[in-house]
N, C-alpha and C. Protein backbone atom coordinates (compact mmCIF):
# COMPACT_ATOMS: atom_id res chain seq x y z
N UNK A 1 0.81 -1.24 0.00
CA UNK A 1 -0.02 0.06 -0.38
C UNK A 1 1.05 1.39 0.21
N UNK A 2 0.85 2.20 -1.07
CA UNK A 2 1.45 3.45 -0.98
C UNK A 2 1.12 4.35 0.26
N UNK A 3 2.11 5.04 0.61
CA UNK A 3 1.96 5.97 1.55
C UNK A 3 0.98 7.39 1.35
N UNK A 4 0.26 8.01 1.98
CA UNK A 4 -0.23 8.97 1.72
C UNK A 4 0.63 10.03 0.82
N UNK A 5 2.19 10.27 1.21
CA UNK A 5 2.69 11.33 0.60
C UNK A 5 3.24 11.10 -0.86
N UNK A 6 3.48 9.68 -0.81
CA UNK A 6 3.71 9.10 -2.32
C UNK A 6 2.41 9.30 -3.06
N UNK A 7 1.18 9.13 -2.60
CA UNK A 7 0.01 9.33 -3.50
C UNK A 7 -0.02 10.84 -3.83
N UNK A 8 -0.12 11.47 -3.04
CA UNK A 8 0.14 13.07 -3.26
C UNK A 8 0.79 13.45 -4.31
N UNK A 9 2.14 12.91 -4.19
CA UNK A 9 3.23 13.21 -5.20
C UNK A 9 2.87 12.83 -6.59
N UNK A 10 2.36 11.50 -6.75
CA UNK A 10 2.15 11.21 -7.92
C UNK A 10 0.98 11.76 -8.47
N UNK A 11 -0.19 12.10 -7.70
CA UNK A 11 -1.15 13.02 -8.13
C UNK A 11 -0.64 14.12 -8.96
N UNK A 12 0.05 14.90 -7.89
CA UNK A 12 0.77 15.92 -8.29
C UNK A 12 1.34 16.14 -9.83
N UNK A 13 2.20 14.80 -9.90
CA UNK A 13 2.93 14.91 -10.81
C UNK A 13 1.95 14.53 -12.33
N UNK A 14 0.81 13.85 -11.62
CA UNK A 14 -0.10 13.69 -12.92
C UNK A 14 -0.86 14.86 -13.50
N UNK A 15 -1.31 15.45 -12.60
CA UNK A 15 -1.60 17.00 -12.84
C UNK A 15 -0.78 17.81 -13.63
N UNK A 16 0.33 17.69 -13.18
CA UNK A 16 1.64 18.64 -13.93
C UNK A 16 1.37 18.00 -15.26
N UNK A 17 1.63 16.62 -15.66
CA UNK A 17 1.73 16.11 -16.69
C UNK A 17 0.34 16.43 -17.62
N UNK A 18 -0.97 16.59 -17.10
CA UNK A 18 -1.96 16.87 -17.79
C UNK A 18 -2.13 18.38 -18.32
N UNK A 19 -1.37 19.24 -17.48
CA UNK A 19 -1.51 20.66 -18.03
C UNK A 19 0.05 20.80 -18.66
């Protein structure tokens, strides 16, 4: 199970890649 910080970072990177 990924840690919350890892999930937040992955989500942030995903948003940056989208925009």
